[in-house]
PDB file of N, CA and C in Angstrom:
ATOM      1  N   MET A   1     -11.412  43.599 -29.008  1.00  0.00           N
ATOM      2  CA  MET A   1     -12.750  43.289 -28.843  1.00  0.00           C
ATOM      3  C   MET A   1     -13.323  42.826 -30.154  1.00  0.00           C
ATOM      4  N   GLY A   2     -14.305  41.926 -30.114  1.00  0.00           N
ATOM      5  CA  GLY A   2     -14.925  41.416 -31.348  1.00  0.00           C
ATOM      6  C   GLY A   2     -16.311  40.954 -30.995  1.00  0.00           C
ATOM      7  N   THR A   3     -17.116  40.952 -32.051  1.00  0.00           N
ATOM      8  CA  THR A   3     -18.530  40.530 -32.008  1.00  0.00           C
ATOM      9  C   THR A   3     -18.555  39.179 -32.682  1.00  0.00           C
ATOM     10  N   TYR A   4     -19.065  38.182 -31.983  1.00  0.00           N
ATOM     11  CA  TYR A   4     -19.113  36.833 -32.490  1.00  0.00           C
ATOM     12  C   TYR A   4     -20.567  36.326 -32.623  1.00  0.00           C
ATOM     13  N   LEU A   5     -20.834  35.498 -33.602  1.00  0.00           N
ATOM     14  CA  LEU A   5     -22.135  34.846 -33.709  1.00  0.00           C
ATOM     15  C   LEU A   5     -21.893  33.369 -33.446  1.00  0.00           C
ATOM     16  N   PHE A   6     -22.629  32.847 -32.546  1.00  0.00           N
ATOM     17  CA  PHE A   6     -22.517  31.454 -32.163  1.00  0.00           C
ATOM     18  C   PHE A   6     -23.771  30.662 -32.590  1.00  0.00           C
ATOM     19  N   GLU A   7     -23.525  29.431 -32.928  1.00  0.00           N
ATOM     20  CA  GLU A   7     -24.639  28.545 -33.233  1.00  0.00           C
ATOM     21  C   GLU A   7     -24.350  27.117 -32.655  1.00  0.00           C
ATOM     22  N   ARG A   8     -25.341  26.293 -32.617  1.00  0.00           N
ATOM     23  CA  ARG A   8     -25.193  24.978 -32.152  1.00  0.00           C
ATOM     24  C   ARG A   8     -24.563  24.090 -33.235  1.00  0.00           C
ATOM     25  N   HIS A   9     -23.706  23.201 -32.832  1.00  0.00           N
ATOM     26  CA  HIS A   9     -23.035  22.316 -33.780  1.00  0.00           C
ATOM     27  C   HIS A   9     -23.036  20.975 -33.178  1.00  0.00           C
ATOM     28  N   ALA A  10     -23.792  19.968 -33.772  1.00  0.00           N
ATOM     29  CA  ALA A  10     -23.911  18.690 -33.135  1.00  0.00           C
ATOM     30  C   ALA A  10     -23.358  17.565 -34.018  1.00  0.00           C
ATOM     31  N   GLU A  11     -22.451  17.892 -34.936  1.00  0.00           N
ATOM     32  CA  GLU A  11     -21.791  16.804 -35.793  1.00  0.00           C
ATOM     33  C   GLU A  11     -20.537  16.288 -35.094  1.00  0.00           C
ATOM     34  N   ASP A  12     -20.117  15.125 -35.543  1.00  0.00           N
ATOM     35  CA  ASP A  12     -18.918  14.493 -35.001  1.00  0.00           C
ATOM     36  C   ASP A  12     -18.934  14.249 -33.502  1.00  0.00           C
ATOM     37  N   GLY A  13     -20.064  14.004 -32.953  1.00  0.00           N
ATOM     38  CA  GLY A  13     -20.129  13.719 -31.536  1.00  0.00           C
ATOM     39  C   GLY A  13     -20.130  14.911 -30.659  1.00  0.00           C
ATOM     40  N   ALA A  14     -20.208  16.084 -31.226  1.00  0.00           N
ATOM     41  CA  ALA A  14     -20.188  17.362 -30.439  1.00  0.00           C
ATOM     42  C   ALA A  14     -21.454  17.509 -29.696  1.00  0.00           C
ATOM     43  N   GLY A  15     -21.408  18.173 -28.574  1.00  0.00           N
ATOM     44  CA  GLY A  15     -22.616  18.551 -27.770  1.00  0.00           C
ATOM     45  C   GLY A  15     -23.036  17.619 -26.765  1.00  0.00           C
ATOM     46  N   HIS A  16     -22.247  16.615 -26.384  1.00  0.00           N
ATOM     47  CA  HIS A  16     -22.657  15.676 -25.387  1.00  0.00           C
ATOM     48  C   HIS A  16     -22.860  16.272 -23.968  1.00  0.00           C
ATOM     49  N   ALA A  17     -22.284  17.483 -23.741  1.00  0.00           N
ATOM     50  CA  ALA A  17     -22.412  18.086 -22.448  1.00  0.00           C
ATOM     51  C   ALA A  17     -23.292  19.382 -22.576  1.00  0.00           C
ATOM     52  N   ALA A  18     -23.970  19.507 -23.726  1.00  0.00           N
ATOM     53  CA  ALA A  18     -24.750  20.748 -23.972  1.00  0.00           C
ATOM     54  C   ALA A  18     -26.027  20.753 -23.097  1.00  0.00           C
ATOM     55  N   SER A  19     -26.489  21.930 -22.745  1.00  0.00           N
ATOM     56  CA  SER A  19     -27.763  22.162 -22.075  1.00  0.00           C
ATOM     57  C   SER A  19     -28.776  22.533 -23.077  1.00  0.00           C
ATOM     58  N   ALA A  20     -29.948  22.826 -22.697  1.00  0.00           N
ATOM     59  CA  ALA A  20     -31.033  23.256 -23.598  1.00  0.00           C
ATOM     60  C   ALA A  20     -30.844  24.682 -24.074  1.00  0.00           C
ATOM     61  N   SER A  21     -30.014  25.450 -23.289  1.00  0.00           N
ATOM     62  CA  SER A  21     -29.873  26.878 -23.566  1.00  0.00           C
ATOM     63  C   SER A  21     -28.524  27.176 -24.292  1.00  0.00           C
ATOM     64  N   LEU A  22     -28.621  27.632 -25.489  1.00  0.00           N
ATOM     65  CA  LEU A  22     -27.430  28.054 -26.262  1.00  0.00           C
ATOM     66  C   LEU A  22     -26.716  29.178 -25.532  1.00  0.00           C
ATOM     67  N   SER A  23     -27.436  30.145 -25.069  1.00  0.00           N
ATOM     68  CA  SER A  23     -26.819  31.315 -24.359  1.00  0.00           C
ATOM     69  C   SER A  23     -26.066  30.853 -23.179  1.00  0.00           C
ATOM     70  N   SER A  24     -26.652  29.952 -22.365  1.00  0.00           N
ATOM     71  CA  SER A  24     -25.948  29.439 -21.149  1.00  0.00           C
ATOM     72  C   SER A  24     -24.700  28.715 -21.501  1.00  0.00           C
ATOM     73  N   ASP A  25     -24.704  27.872 -22.559  1.00  0.00           N
ATOM     74  CA  ASP A  25     -23.591  27.148 -22.939  1.00  0.00           C
ATOM     75  C   ASP A  25     -22.431  28.016 -23.447  1.00  0.00           C
ATOM     76  N   ILE A  26     -22.778  29.121 -24.180  1.00  0.00           N
ATOM     77  CA  ILE A  26     -21.788  30.060 -24.613  1.00  0.00           C
ATOM     78  C   ILE A  26     -21.162  30.735 -23.434  1.00  0.00           C
ATOM     79  N   ALA A  27     -21.964  31.211 -22.470  1.00  0.00           N
ATOM     80  CA  ALA A  27     -21.396  31.820 -21.247  1.00  0.00           C
ATOM     81  C   ALA A  27     -20.472  30.845 -20.530  1.00  0.00           C
ATOM     82  N   ARG A  28     -20.875  29.626 -20.357  1.00  0.00           N
ATOM     83  CA  ARG A  28     -20.076  28.607 -19.670  1.00  0.00           C
ATOM     84  C   ARG A  28     -18.793  28.363 -20.376  1.00  0.00           C
ATOM     85  N   ALA A  29     -18.798  28.358 -21.686  1.00  0.00           N
ATOM     86  CA  ALA A  29     -17.562  28.122 -22.500  1.00  0.00           C
ATOM     87  C   ALA A  29     -16.618  29.302 -22.358  1.00  0.00           C
ATOM     88  N   LEU A  30     -17.126  30.533 -22.527  1.00  0.00           N
ATOM     89  CA  LEU A  30     -16.251  31.728 -22.472  1.00  0.00           C
ATOM     90  C   LEU A  30     -15.666  31.924 -21.078  1.00  0.00           C
ATOM     91  N   GLN A  31     -16.368  31.527 -20.087  1.00  0.00           N
ATOM     92  CA  GLN A  31     -15.820  31.682 -18.682  1.00  0.00           C
ATOM     93  C   GLN A  31     -14.593  30.692 -18.473  1.00  0.00           C
ATOM     94  N   GLN A  32     -14.429  29.702 -19.310  1.00  0.00           N
ATOM     95  CA  GLN A  32     -13.372  28.738 -19.205  1.00  0.00           C
ATOM     96  C   GLN A  32     -12.130  29.173 -19.932  1.00  0.00           C
ATOM     97  N   ILE A  33     -12.252  30.159 -20.891  1.00  0.00           N
ATOM     98  CA  ILE A  33     -11.122  30.535 -21.652  1.00  0.00           C
ATOM     99  C   ILE A  33     -10.392  31.687 -21.068  1.00  0.00           C
ATOM    100  N   ASP A  34      -9.136  31.426 -20.716  1.00  0.00           N
ATOM    101  CA  ASP A  34      -8.341  32.401 -19.932  1.00  0.00           C
ATOM    102  C   ASP A  34      -8.144  33.724 -20.647  1.00  0.00           C
ATOM    103  N   TRP A  35      -8.062  33.787 -21.922  1.00  0.00           N
ATOM    104  CA  TRP A  35      -7.811  35.053 -22.612  1.00  0.00           C
ATOM    105  C   TRP A  35      -9.109  35.867 -22.933  1.00  0.00           C
ATOM    106  N   VAL A  36     -10.207  35.385 -22.374  1.00  0.00           N
ATOM    107  CA  VAL A  36     -11.443  36.172 -22.481  1.00  0.00           C
ATOM    108  C   VAL A  36     -11.574  36.973 -21.223  1.00  0.00           C
ATOM    109  N   ASP A  37     -11.475  38.326 -21.339  1.00  0.00           N
ATOM    110  CA  ASP A  37     -11.566  39.171 -20.170  1.00  0.00           C
ATOM    111  C   ASP A  37     -13.020  39.287 -19.668  1.00  0.00           C
ATOM    112  N   ARG A  38     -13.883  39.627 -20.642  1.00  0.00           N
ATOM    113  CA  ARG A  38     -15.334  39.778 -20.347  1.00  0.00           C
ATOM    114  C   ARG A  38     -16.100  39.661 -21.605  1.00  0.00           C
ATOM    115  N   PHE A  39     -17.373  39.401 -21.456  1.00  0.00           N
ATOM    116  CA  PHE A  39     -18.270  39.264 -22.600  1.00  0.00           C
ATOM    117  C   PHE A  39     -19.684  39.610 -22.282  1.00  0.00           C
ATOM    118  N   THR A  40     -20.465  39.929 -23.292  1.00  0.00           N
ATOM    119  CA  THR A  40     -21.886  40.204 -23.149  1.00  0.00           C
ATOM    120  C   THR A  40     -22.639  39.394 -24.158  1.00  0.00           C
ATOM    121  N   VAL A  41     -23.569  38.561 -23.649  1.00  0.00           N
ATOM    122  CA  VAL A  41     -24.385  37.782 -24.550  1.00  0.00           C
ATOM    123  C   VAL A  41     -25.657  38.584 -24.892  1.00  0.00           C
ATOM    124  N   HIS A  42     -25.956  38.609 -26.181  1.00  0.00           N
ATOM    125  CA  HIS A  42     -27.170  39.289 -26.653  1.00  0.00           C
ATOM    126  C   HIS A  42     -28.068  38.313 -27.337  1.00  0.00           C
ATOM    127  N   PRO A  43     -28.896  37.602 -26.558  1.00  0.00           N
ATOM    128  CA  PRO A  43     -29.805  36.665 -27.249  1.00  0.00           C
ATOM    129  C   PRO A  43     -30.780  37.451 -28.127  1.00  0.00           C
ATOM    130  N   GLY A  44     -31.043  36.975 -29.265  1.00  0.00           N
ATOM    131  CA  GLY A  44     -31.939  37.632 -30.167  1.00  0.00           C
ATOM    132  C   GLY A  44     -33.233  36.886 -30.252  1.00  0.00           C
ATOM    133  N   ASP A  45     -33.979  37.226 -31.366  1.00  0.00           N
ATOM    134  CA  ASP A  45     -35.250  36.560 -31.579  1.00  0.00           C
ATOM    135  C   ASP A  45     -35.127  35.149 -31.868  1.00  0.00           C
ATOM    136  N   SER A  46     -34.018  34.745 -32.506  1.00  0.00           N
ATOM    137  CA  SER A  46     -33.806  33.357 -32.870  1.00  0.00           C
ATOM    138  C   SER A  46     -33.050  32.643 -31.796  1.00  0.00           C
ATOM    139  N   GLU A  47     -33.481  31.464 -31.486  1.00  0.00           N
ATOM    140  CA  GLU A  47     -32.788  30.549 -30.533  1.00  0.00           C
ATOM    141  C   GLU A  47     -31.605  29.881 -31.173  1.00  0.00           C
ATOM    142  N   ASP A  48     -31.480  29.987 -32.496  1.00  0.00           N
ATOM    143  CA  ASP A  48     -30.412  29.253 -33.261  1.00  0.00           C
ATOM    144  C   ASP A  48     -29.124  30.008 -33.315  1.00  0.00           C
ATOM    145  N   ILE A  49     -29.144  31.292 -33.212  1.00  0.00           N
ATOM    146  CA  ILE A  49     -27.951  32.083 -33.341  1.00  0.00           C
ATOM    147  C   ILE A  49     -27.954  33.168 -32.205  1.00  0.00           C
ATOM    148  N   VAL A  50     -26.773  33.254 -31.550  1.00  0.00           N
ATOM    149  CA  VAL A  50     -26.643  34.200 -30.414  1.00  0.00           C
ATOM    150  C   VAL A  50     -25.437  35.088 -30.749  1.00  0.00           C
ATOM    151  N   ARG A  51     -25.558  36.397 -30.587  1.00  0.00           N
ATOM    152  CA  ARG A  51     -24.517  37.372 -30.728  1.00  0.00           C
ATOM    153  C   ARG A  51     -23.872  37.622 -29.429  1.00  0.00           C
ATOM    154  N   VAL A  52     -22.515  37.707 -29.420  1.00  0.00           N
ATOM    155  CA  VAL A  52     -21.767  37.894 -28.230  1.00  0.00           C
ATOM    156  C   VAL A  52     -20.649  38.906 -28.469  1.00  0.00           C
ATOM    157  N   ASP A  53     -20.550  39.932 -27.631  1.00  0.00           N
ATOM    158  CA  ASP A  53     -19.451  40.877 -27.668  1.00  0.00           C
ATOM    159  C   ASP A  53     -18.398  40.340 -26.685  1.00  0.00           C
ATOM    160  N   VAL A  54     -17.159  40.219 -27.206  1.00  0.00           N
ATOM    161  CA  VAL A  54     -16.067  39.637 -26.395  1.00  0.00           C
ATOM    162  C   VAL A  54     -14.924  40.571 -26.308  1.00  0.00           C
ATOM    163  N   VAL A  55     -14.377  40.783 -25.079  1.00  0.00           N
ATOM    164  CA  VAL A  55     -13.149  41.566 -24.896  1.00  0.00           C
ATOM    165  C   VAL A  55     -12.128  40.615 -24.397  1.00  0.00           C
ATOM    166  N   PHE A  56     -10.941  40.699 -25.110  1.00  0.00           N
ATOM    167  CA  PHE A  56      -9.861  39.762 -24.852  1.00  0.00           C
ATOM    168  C   PHE A  56      -8.721  40.386 -24.014  1.00  0.00           C
ATOM    169  N   ASP A  57      -8.076  39.547 -23.257  1.00  0.00           N
ATOM    170  CA  ASP A  57      -6.879  39.960 -22.537  1.00  0.00           C
ATOM    171  C   ASP A  57      -5.818  40.437 -23.538  1.00  0.00           C
ATOM    172  N   GLU A  58      -5.076  41.497 -23.244  1.00  0.00           N
ATOM    173  CA  GLU A  58      -4.073  42.011 -24.061  1.00  0.00           C
ATOM    174  C   GLU A  58      -2.998  40.947 -24.519  1.00  0.00           C
ATOM    175  N   GLU A  59      -2.792  40.025 -23.670  1.00  0.00           N
ATOM    176  CA  GLU A  59      -1.795  38.980 -23.919  1.00  0.00           C
ATOM    177  C   GLU A  59      -2.402  37.715 -24.560  1.00  0.00           C
ATOM    178  N   TRP A  60      -3.554  37.817 -25.229  1.00  0.00           N
ATOM    179  CA  TRP A  60      -4.222  36.643 -25.736  1.00  0.00           C
ATOM    180  C   TRP A  60      -3.379  35.899 -26.706  1.00  0.00           C
ATOM    181  N   PRO A  61      -2.563  36.532 -27.613  1.00  0.00           N
ATOM    182  CA  PRO A  61      -1.767  35.724 -28.597  1.00  0.00           C
ATOM    183  C   PRO A  61      -0.864  34.698 -27.880  1.00  0.00           C
ATOM    184  N   ASP A  62      -0.222  35.148 -26.815  1.00  0.00           N
ATOM    185  CA  ASP A  62       0.744  34.327 -26.059  1.00  0.00           C
ATOM    186  C   ASP A  62      -0.024  33.296 -25.272  1.00  0.00           C
ATOM    187  N   LEU A  63      -1.148  33.590 -24.647  1.00  0.00           N
ATOM    188  CA  LEU A  63      -1.922  32.647 -23.894  1.00  0.00           C
ATOM    189  C   LEU A  63      -2.485  31.557 -24.792  1.00  0.00           C
ATOM    190  N   ARG A  64      -3.023  31.948 -25.963  1.00  0.00           N
ATOM    191  CA  ARG A  64      -3.580  31.002 -26.869  1.00  0.00           C
ATOM    192  C   ARG A  64      -2.523  30.111 -27.467  1.00  0.00           C
ATOM    193  N   ALA A  65      -1.368  30.682 -27.763  1.00  0.00           N
ATOM    194  CA  ALA A  65      -0.245  29.904 -28.331  1.00  0.00           C
ATOM    195  C   ALA A  65       0.173  28.757 -27.506  1.00  0.00           C
ATOM    196  N   SER A  66       0.068  28.946 -26.173  1.00  0.00           N
ATOM    197  CA  SER A  66       0.502  27.908 -25.218  1.00  0.00           C
ATOM    198  C   SER A  66      -0.483  26.696 -25.192  1.00  0.00           C
ATOM    199  N   GLU A  67      -1.744  26.936 -25.662  1.00  0.00           N
ATOM    200  CA  GLU A  67      -2.785  25.924 -25.680  1.00  0.00           C
ATOM    201  C   GLU A  67      -3.545  26.028 -26.974  1.00  0.00           C
ATOM    202  N   PRO A  68      -2.981  25.668 -28.129  1.00  0.00           N
ATOM    203  CA  PRO A  68      -3.639  25.932 -29.438  1.00  0.00           C
ATOM    204  C   PRO A  68      -5.007  25.201 -29.555  1.00  0.00           C
ATOM    205  N   GLY A  69      -5.215  24.061 -28.978  1.00  0.00           N
ATOM    206  CA  GLY A  69      -6.449  23.345 -29.160  1.00  0.00           C
ATOM    207  C   GLY A  69      -7.450  23.537 -28.020  1.00  0.00           C
ATOM    208  N   PHE A  70      -7.178  24.488 -27.117  1.00  0.00           N
ATOM    209  CA  PHE A  70      -8.027  24.644 -26.012  1.00  0.00           C
ATOM    210  C   PHE A  70      -9.446  25.057 -26.304  1.00  0.00           C
ATOM    211  N   VAL A  71      -9.590  26.051 -27.225  1.00  0.00           N
ATOM    212  CA  VAL A  71     -10.979  26.531 -27.543  1.00  0.00           C
ATOM    213  C   VAL A  71     -11.761  25.353 -28.099  1.00  0.00           C
ATOM    214  N   ALA A  72     -11.208  24.579 -28.958  1.00  0.00           N
ATOM    215  CA  ALA A  72     -11.882  23.434 -29.536  1.00  0.00           C
ATOM    216  C   ALA A  72     -12.286  22.430 -28.451  1.00  0.00           C
ATOM    217  N   SER A  73     -11.418  22.237 -27.441  1.00  0.00           N
ATOM    218  CA  SER A  73     -11.726  21.254 -26.424  1.00  0.00           C
ATOM    219  C   SER A  73     -12.864  21.835 -25.490  1.00  0.00           C
ATOM    220  N   VAL A  74     -13.073  23.074 -25.428  1.00  0.00           N
ATOM    221  CA  VAL A  74     -14.143  23.726 -24.698  1.00  0.00           C
ATOM    222  C   VAL A  74     -15.436  23.713 -25.522  1.00  0.00           C
ATOM    223  N   PHE A  75     -15.343  24.102 -26.715  1.00  0.00           N
ATOM    224  CA  PHE A  75     -16.536  24.260 -27.635  1.00  0.00           C
ATOM    225  C   PHE A  75     -17.114  22.931 -27.954  1.00  0.00           C
ATOM    226  N   HIS A  76     -16.332  21.907 -28.273  1.00  0.00           N
ATOM    227  CA  HIS A  76     -16.867  20.648 -28.754  1.00  0.00           C
ATOM    228  C   HIS A  76     -17.799  19.981 -27.813  1.00  0.00           C
ATOM    229  N   PRO A  77     -17.562  19.728 -26.531  1.00  0.00           N
ATOM    230  CA  PRO A  77     -18.541  19.100 -25.686  1.00  0.00           C
ATOM    231  C   PRO A  77     -19.812  19.863 -25.523  1.00  0.00           C
ATOM    232  N   LEU A  78     -19.761  21.142 -25.712  1.00  0.00           N
ATOM    233  CA  LEU A  78     -20.981  22.010 -25.584  1.00  0.00           C
ATOM    234  C   LEU A  78     -21.726  22.145 -26.997  1.00  0.00           C
ATOM    235  N   GLY A  79     -21.098  21.639 -27.980  1.00  0.00           N
ATOM    236  CA  GLY A  79     -21.730  21.691 -29.300  1.00  0.00           C
ATOM    237  C   GLY A  79     -21.753  23.118 -29.834  1.00  0.00           C
ATOM    238  N   LEU A  80     -20.733  23.939 -29.631  1.00  0.00           N
ATOM    239  CA  LEU A  80     -20.700  25.329 -30.059  1.00  0.00           C
ATOM    240  C   LEU A  80     -19.719  25.540 -31.218  1.00  0.00           C
ATOM    241  N   ARG A  81     -20.085  26.494 -32.082  1.00  0.00           N
ATOM    242  CA  ARG A  81     -19.155  26.965 -33.119  1.00  0.00           C
ATOM    243  C   ARG A  81     -19.515  28.405 -33.432  1.00  0.00           C
ATOM    244  N   THR A  82     -18.566  29.112 -33.912  1.00  0.00           N
ATOM    245  CA  THR A  82     -18.748  30.492 -34.320  1.00  0.00           C
ATOM    246  C   THR A  82     -19.056  30.520 -35.799  1.00  0.00           C
ATOM    247  N   ILE A  83     -19.888  31.454 -36.161  1.00  0.00           N
ATOM    248  CA  ILE A  83     -20.194  31.720 -37.529  1.00  0.00           C
ATOM    249  C   ILE A  83     -19.213  32.765 -38.023  1.00  0.00           C
ATOM    250  N   PRO A  84     -18.489  32.568 -39.150  1.00  0.00           N
ATOM    251  CA  PRO A  84     -17.493  33.499 -39.619  1.00  0.00           C
ATOM    252  C   PRO A  84     -18.182  34.888 -39.750  1.00  0.00           C
ATOM    253  N   ASN A  85     -17.421  35.862 -39.267  1.00  0.00           N
ATOM    254  CA  ASN A  85     -17.863  37.267 -39.232  1.00  0.00           C
ATOM    255  C   ASN A  85     -16.935  38.055 -40.157  1.00  0.00           C
ATOM    256  N   PRO A  86     -17.385  38.421 -41.408  1.00  0.00           N
ATOM    257  CA  PRO A  86     -16.481  39.137 -42.311  1.00  0.00           C
ATOM    258  C   PRO A  86     -15.924  40.445 -41.749  1.00  0.00           C
ATOM    259  N   ALA A  87     -16.658  41.084 -40.858  1.00  0.00           N
ATOM    260  CA  ALA A  87     -16.135  42.370 -40.244  1.00  0.00           C
ATOM    261  C   ALA A  87     -14.932  42.069 -39.345  1.00  0.00           C
ATOM    262  N   LEU A  88     -14.921  40.901 -38.728  1.00  0.00           N
ATOM    263  CA  LEU A  88     -13.788  40.592 -37.871  1.00  0.00           C
ATOM    264  C   LEU A  88     -12.582  40.099 -38.611  1.00  0.00           C
ATOM    265  N   ALA A  89     -12.778  39.496 -39.787  1.00  0.00           N
ATOM    266  CA  ALA A  89     -11.698  38.912 -40.519  1.00  0.00           C
ATOM    267  C   ALA A  89     -10.609  39.918 -40.911  1.00  0.00           C
ATOM    268  N   HIS A  90     -11.004  41.127 -41.305  1.00  0.00           N
ATOM    269  CA  HIS A  90     -10.020  42.047 -41.716  1.00  0.00           C
ATOM    270  C   HIS A  90      -9.324  42.807 -40.597  1.00  0.00           C
ATOM    271  N   THR A  91      -9.773  42.727 -39.407  1.00  0.00           N
ATOM    272  CA  THR A  91      -9.256  43.432 -38.247  1.00  0.00           C
ATOM    273  C   THR A  91      -8.173  42.672 -37.551  1.00  0.00           C
ATOM    274  N   GLN A  92      -8.165  41.338 -37.677  1.00  0.00           N
ATOM    275  CA  GLN A  92      -7.264  40.548 -36.958  1.00  0.00           C
ATOM    276  C   GLN A  92      -6.746  39.462 -37.895  1.00  0.00           C
ATOM    277  N   THR A  93      -5.435  39.133 -37.825  1.00  0.00           N
ATOM    278  CA  THR A  93      -4.931  38.087 -38.637  1.00  0.00           C
ATOM    279  C   THR A  93      -5.124  36.727 -38.005  1.00  0.00           C
ATOM    280  N   ASP A  94      -5.306  36.648 -36.718  1.00  0.00           N
ATOM    281  CA  ASP A  94      -5.562  35.434 -35.993  1.00  0.00           C
ATOM    282  C   ASP A  94      -6.766  35.577 -35.115  1.00  0.00           C
ATOM    283  N   ASP A  95      -7.629  34.594 -35.045  1.00  0.00           N
ATOM    284  CA  ASP A  95      -8.868  34.689 -34.241  1.00  0.00           C
ATOM    285  C   ASP A  95      -8.640  34.085 -32.898  1.00  0.00           C
ATOM    286  N   PRO A  96      -8.876  34.882 -31.826  1.00  0.00           N
ATOM    287  CA  PRO A  96      -8.691  34.403 -30.466  1.00  0.00           C
ATOM    288  C   PRO A  96      -9.638  33.263 -30.120  1.00  0.00           C
ATOM    289  N   LEU A  97     -10.733  33.077 -30.808  1.00  0.00           N
ATOM    290  CA  LEU A  97     -11.732  32.038 -30.555  1.00  0.00           C
ATOM    291  C   LEU A  97     -11.744  31.003 -31.697  1.00  0.00           C
ATOM    292  N   SER A  98     -10.622  30.844 -32.366  1.00  0.00           N
ATOM    293  CA  SER A  98     -10.486  29.790 -33.386  1.00  0.00           C
ATOM    294  C   SER A  98     -10.563  28.488 -32.693  1.00  0.00           C
ATOM    295  N   ALA A  99     -11.491  27.620 -33.196  1.00  0.00           N
ATOM    296  CA  ALA A  99     -11.734  26.348 -32.571  1.00  0.00           C
ATOM    297  C   ALA A  99     -11.241  25.187 -33.424  1.00  0.00           C
ATOM    298  N   THR A 100     -10.181  25.380 -34.189  1.00  0.00           N
ATOM    299  CA  THR A 100      -9.690  24.357 -34.992  1.00  0.00           C
ATOM    300  C   THR A 100      -8.571  23.630 -34.196  1.00  0.00           C
ATOM    301  N   LEU A 101      -8.617  22.286 -34.311  1.00  0.00           N
ATOM    302  CA  LEU A 101      -7.540  21.537 -33.637  1.00  0.00           C
ATOM    303  C   LEU A 101      -6.455  21.213 -34.715  1.00  0.00           C
ATOM    304  N   PRO A 102      -5.267  21.163 -34.250  1.00  0.00           N
ATOM    305  CA  PRO A 102      -4.209  20.709 -35.168  1.00  0.00           C
ATOM    306  C   PRO A 102      -4.516  19.347 -35.669  1.00  0.00           C
ATOM    307  N   ILE A 103      -4.062  18.976 -36.849  1.00  0.00           N
ATOM    308  CA  ILE A 103      -4.339  17.661 -37.414  1.00  0.00           C
ATOM    309  C   ILE A 103      -3.858  16.592 -36.469  1.00  0.00           C
ATOM    310  N   ASP A 104      -4.673  15.515 -36.335  1.00  0.00           N
ATOM    311  CA  ASP A 104      -4.356  14.410 -35.454  1.00  0.00           C
ATOM    312  C   ASP A 104      -4.302  14.817 -33.998  1.00  0.00           C
ATOM    313  N   ASP A 105      -4.947  15.892 -33.587  1.00  0.00           N
ATOM    314  CA  ASP A 105      -4.902  16.262 -32.222  1.00  0.00           C
ATOM    315  C   ASP A 105      -6.267  15.923 -31.600  1.00  0.00           C
ATOM    316  N   ASP A 106      -6.218  15.203 -30.511  1.00  0.00           N
ATOM    317  CA  ASP A 106      -7.384  14.910 -29.766  1.00  0.00           C
ATOM    318  C   ASP A 106      -7.286  15.511 -28.355  1.00  0.00           C
ATOM    319  N   PRO A 107      -8.194  16.403 -27.974  1.00  0.00           N
ATOM    320  CA  PRO A 107      -8.041  17.085 -26.705  1.00  0.00           C
ATOM    321  C   PRO A 107      -8.033  16.092 -25.510  1.00  0.00           C
ATOM    322  N   GLU A 108      -8.506  14.887 -25.658  1.00  0.00           N
ATOM    323  CA  GLU A 108      -8.515  13.933 -24.542  1.00  0.00           C
ATOM    324  C   GLU A 108      -7.309  13.013 -24.566  1.00  0.00           C
ATOM    325  N   SER A 109      -6.432  13.135 -25.528  1.00  0.00           N
ATOM    326  CA  SER A 109      -5.285  12.212 -25.608  1.00  0.00           C
ATOM    327  C   SER A 109      -4.042  12.814 -25.016  1.00  0.00           C
ATOM    328  N   MET A 110      -3.064  11.955 -24.864  1.00  0.00           N
ATOM    329  CA  MET A 110      -1.733  12.413 -24.336  1.00  0.00           C
ATOM    330  C   MET A 110      -0.647  11.750 -25.148  1.00  0.00           C
ATOM    331  N   ASP A 111       0.367  12.547 -25.514  1.00  0.00           N
ATOM    332  CA  ASP A 111       1.495  12.031 -26.223  1.00  0.00           C
ATOM    333  C   ASP A 111       2.486  11.412 -25.328  1.00  0.00           C
ATOM    334  N   LEU A 112       2.976  10.244 -25.706  1.00  0.00           N
ATOM    335  CA  LEU A 112       4.004   9.573 -24.974  1.00  0.00           C
ATOM    336  C   LEU A 112       5.226   9.437 -25.845  1.00  0.00           C
ATOM    337  N   PHE A 113       6.376   9.611 -25.229  1.00  0.00           N
ATOM    338  CA  PHE A 113       7.651   9.603 -26.006  1.00  0.00           C
ATOM    339  C   PHE A 113       8.497   8.507 -25.388  1.00  0.00           C
ATOM    340  N   LEU A 114       9.147   7.724 -26.178  1.00  0.00           N
ATOM    341  CA  LEU A 114      10.076   6.709 -25.729  1.00  0.00           C
ATOM    342  C   LEU A 114      11.474   7.097 -26.203  1.00  0.00           C
ATOM    343  N   PHE A 115      12.364   7.284 -25.268  1.00  0.00           N
ATOM    344  CA  PHE A 115      13.716   7.649 -25.564  1.00  0.00           C
ATOM    345  C   PHE A 115      14.615   6.452 -25.268  1.00  0.00           C
ATOM    346  N   GLU A 116      15.500   6.176 -26.279  1.00  0.00           N
ATOM    347  CA  GLU A 116      16.450   5.056 -26.132  1.00  0.00           C
ATOM    348  C   GLU A 116      17.706   5.565 -25.471  1.00  0.00           C
ATOM    349  N   LYS A 117      18.386   4.679 -24.806  1.00  0.00           N
ATOM    350  CA  LYS A 117      19.706   5.052 -24.184  1.00  0.00           C
ATOM    351  C   LYS A 117      20.781   5.222 -25.132  1.00  0.00           C
TER     352      LYS A 117
END
């Protein structure tokens, strides 16, 4: 389990599918991620930052390893990003909601391989 802080991120073309509600977009994104078991959104006084408690599937490292860029492909269209949480950093070596894409990885592209005989 972890507590995450989310904010809107509209750089690099992010947020083209975002709604007016940050809380709604966060819920929509987390529902798409297989290794998120359940979550509770705690909207605060600020519309700019939303706190969310997230419980992960026990097998999250294996699930996330099979799709390393998946979180980024979900967060980017909704214009979401997490704010680093120092309390979370020392409890886990890997972040289940890391939204970094591998270099030269585009979630909308496909790799093609040509094999010679």
